[in-house]
Amino acid sequence: MSTKLEIDRDTLSKIHRHAEADYPNECCGFFFGIENGNRQIQLVWEVENSKEGDQRRRFQVDPKDYQKAEKYADDHGLTLLGVYHSHPDHPARPSEHDREVAMPWFSYIIISVQDGEVVDTSSWQLNKERQFDEEKIEITEYSTQKSKTRV
């Protein structure tokens, strides 16, 4: 399990803007990068929340978007590091549903949006017991990252 997740301030701001723009629904997206003891985010993709029904409490990634993300990572020598999503009017902590659908090799960034504004961000990884451990987020000042809007 990695010790920390590195993200530059501009890229984190893009994720936050996405979370605020989709409020009161949950937003979701992927992040890509490299692993060298830590995880360094180099690219962010917004994806549409494909959940049918109550998008205020759940998100779902379309399997086609996931396939596109895996292919993009393979084609560009990157690692698909994880998924981000927002929790409208709830804490930036994983829900039981989040735990049930999580994959152990991903990092999960969760953004708490209260009344339309981001108030907290955290990152999590599943451990061997399928429980979440919080992952330290280090915000860097450099901006070598790229972003891509909706896949």
Protein backbone atom coordinates (compact mmCIF):
# COMPACT_ATOMS: atom_id res chain seq x y z
CA MET A 1 0.00 0.00 0.00
CA SER A 2 1.37 3.41 -0.89
CA THR A 3 2.32 5.85 1.82
CA LYS A 4 0.94 8.96 0.16
CA LEU A 5 -0.85 10.34 -2.85
CA GLU A 6 0.79 13.36 -4.49
CA ILE A 7 -1.33 15.86 -6.40
CA ASP A 8 -0.59 19.40 -7.50
CA ARG A 9 -2.77 22.25 -6.34
CA ASP A 10 -4.17 23.04 -9.84
CA THR A 11 -5.23 19.45 -10.47
CA LEU A 12 -6.88 19.19 -7.07
CA SER A 13 -8.71 22.44 -7.84
CA LYS A 14 -10.04 20.90 -11.07
CA ILE A 15 -11.41 17.95 -9.12
CA HIS A 16 -12.97 20.33 -6.59
CA ARG A 17 -14.60 22.41 -9.36
CA HIS A 18 -16.05 19.22 -10.84
CA ALA A 19 -17.49 18.24 -7.45
CA GLU A 20 -19.04 21.68 -6.96
CA ALA A 21 -20.41 21.81 -10.53
CA ASP A 22 -22.19 18.46 -10.16
CA TYR A 23 -23.62 19.29 -6.70
CA PRO A 24 -26.12 18.21 -5.41
CA ASN A 25 -25.28 14.99 -7.29
CA GLU A 26 -22.16 12.92 -6.82
CA CYS A 27 -19.46 13.51 -9.40
CA CYS A 28 -16.87 10.92 -10.41
CA GLY A 29 -13.69 10.59 -12.39
CA PHE A 30 -10.39 8.77 -12.79
CA PHE A 31 -6.84 9.75 -12.02
CA PHE A 32 -3.70 8.42 -13.67
CA GLY A 33 -0.02 8.69 -12.90
CA ILE A 34 3.00 6.78 -11.73
CA GLU A 35 3.96 4.78 -8.66
CA ASN A 36 7.44 5.02 -7.19
CA GLY A 37 6.77 4.24 -3.55
CA ASN A 38 4.16 6.99 -3.59
CA ARG A 39 1.45 7.64 -6.12
CA GLN A 40 1.92 10.75 -8.24
CA ILE A 41 -1.18 11.95 -10.07
CA GLN A 42 -0.39 13.22 -13.55
CA LEU A 43 -3.77 13.22 -15.29
CA VAL A 44 -7.41 13.57 -14.26
CA TRP A 45 -10.46 12.52 -16.29
CA GLU A 46 -13.98 13.55 -15.47
CA VAL A 47 -16.59 10.91 -16.27
CA GLU A 48 -20.34 11.11 -16.21
CA ASN A 49 -22.09 9.60 -13.22
CA SER A 50 -24.00 6.82 -14.98
CA LYS A 51 -26.00 5.79 -11.90
CA GLU A 52 -29.68 5.44 -12.65
CA GLY A 53 -31.84 6.79 -9.89
CA ASP A 54 -30.55 8.81 -6.95
CA GLN A 55 -27.25 10.38 -8.03
CA ARG A 56 -27.25 12.46 -4.85
CA ARG A 57 -26.26 9.38 -2.84
CA ARG A 58 -24.49 7.13 -5.34
CA PHE A 59 -22.21 7.22 -8.32
CA GLN A 60 -21.51 4.62 -10.94
CA VAL A 61 -18.84 4.50 -13.62
CA ASP A 62 -19.99 3.16 -16.97
CA PRO A 63 -17.98 0.02 -17.80
CA LYS A 64 -17.17 1.55 -21.22
CA ASP A 65 -15.57 4.55 -19.48
CA TYR A 66 -13.54 2.18 -17.32
CA GLN A 67 -12.36 0.28 -20.41
CA LYS A 68 -11.39 3.57 -22.11
CA ALA A 69 -9.44 4.59 -19.01
CA GLU A 70 -7.56 1.26 -18.83
CA LYS A 71 -6.71 1.48 -22.54
CA TYR A 72 -5.57 5.09 -22.21
CA ALA A 73 -3.27 4.15 -19.31
CA ASP A 74 -1.79 1.23 -21.27
CA ASP A 75 -1.32 3.32 -24.42
CA HIS A 76 0.40 6.16 -22.56
CA GLY A 77 2.60 4.29 -20.08
CA LEU A 78 0.56 5.43 -17.09
CA THR A 79 -1.12 3.61 -14.23
CA LEU A 80 -4.82 4.03 -13.57
CA LEU A 81 -4.33 4.94 -9.90
CA GLY A 82 -7.90 5.33 -8.80
CA VAL A 83 -11.29 6.95 -8.76
CA TYR A 84 -12.52 10.17 -7.22
CA HIS A 85 -16.07 11.00 -6.28
CA SER A 86 -17.95 13.51 -4.19
CA HIS A 87 -20.16 13.13 -1.13
CA PRO A 88 -22.80 15.89 -1.30
CA ASP A 89 -23.66 17.08 2.22
CA HIS A 90 -21.77 14.15 3.77
CA PRO A 91 -18.24 13.72 5.15
CA ALA A 92 -15.23 12.82 3.00
CA ARG A 93 -15.24 9.31 4.45
CA PRO A 94 -16.06 6.11 2.56
CA SER A 95 -19.54 4.72 2.95
CA GLU A 96 -20.34 1.04 3.36
CA HIS A 97 -21.39 1.03 -0.30
CA ASP A 98 -18.02 2.55 -1.27
CA ARG A 99 -16.26 -0.27 0.59
CA GLU A 100 -18.40 -2.97 -1.01
CA VAL A 101 -17.61 -1.86 -4.58
CA ALA A 102 -13.97 -0.80 -4.05
CA MET A 103 -10.99 -2.52 -5.64
CA PRO A 104 -7.92 -3.06 -3.44
CA TRP A 105 -5.34 -1.68 -5.86
CA PHE A 106 -7.05 1.72 -6.33
CA SER A 107 -6.86 4.89 -4.32
CA TYR A 108 -10.22 6.56 -3.71
CA ILE A 109 -10.34 10.33 -3.37
CA ILE A 110 -13.55 11.50 -1.70
CA ILE A 111 -14.61 15.14 -1.73
CA SER A 112 -17.12 16.44 0.80
CA VAL A 113 -19.32 19.17 -0.69
CA GLN A 114 -21.52 21.02 1.78
CA ASP A 115 -24.14 23.42 0.39
CA GLY A 116 -22.34 23.48 -2.96
CA GLU A 117 -18.82 24.15 -1.65
CA VAL A 118 -15.93 21.75 -1.08
CA VAL A 119 -15.10 21.52 2.62
CA ASP A 120 -12.84 18.45 2.83
CA THR A 121 -10.91 15.96 0.71
CA SER A 122 -9.48 12.60 1.72
CA SER A 123 -8.03 9.53 0.05
CA TRP A 124 -8.47 5.86 0.98
CA GLN A 125 -7.22 2.41 0.04
CA LEU A 126 -8.59 -1.00 0.95
CA ASN A 127 -6.42 -3.16 3.17
CA LYS A 128 -6.24 -6.98 3.17
CA GLU A 129 -9.27 -7.16 5.48
CA ARG A 130 -11.28 -5.09 2.95
CA GLN A 131 -11.41 -2.14 5.32
CA PHE A 132 -10.35 1.34 4.26
CA ASP A 133 -7.11 2.90 5.47
CA GLU A 134 -6.73 6.63 5.03
CA GLU A 135 -4.00 7.63 2.60
CA LYS A 136 -2.05 10.84 3.15
CA ILE A 137 -2.55 13.45 0.43
CA GLU A 138 0.44 15.69 -0.31
CA ILE A 139 -0.44 18.81 -2.27
CA THR A 140 2.47 19.99 -4.40
CA GLU A 141 2.99 23.34 -6.08
CA TYR A 142 4.35 22.10 -9.42
CA SER A 143 1.89 21.78 -12.27
CA THR A 144 3.03 19.17 -14.78
CA GLN A 145 -0.33 17.44 -14.70
CA LYS A 146 -2.92 17.49 -17.42
CA SER A 147 -6.64 17.17 -17.26
CA LYS A 148 -9.18 15.78 -19.63
CA THR A 149 -12.83 16.54 -19.44
CA ARG A 150 -15.47 13.91 -19.92
CA VAL A 151 -14.35 10.71 -21.63
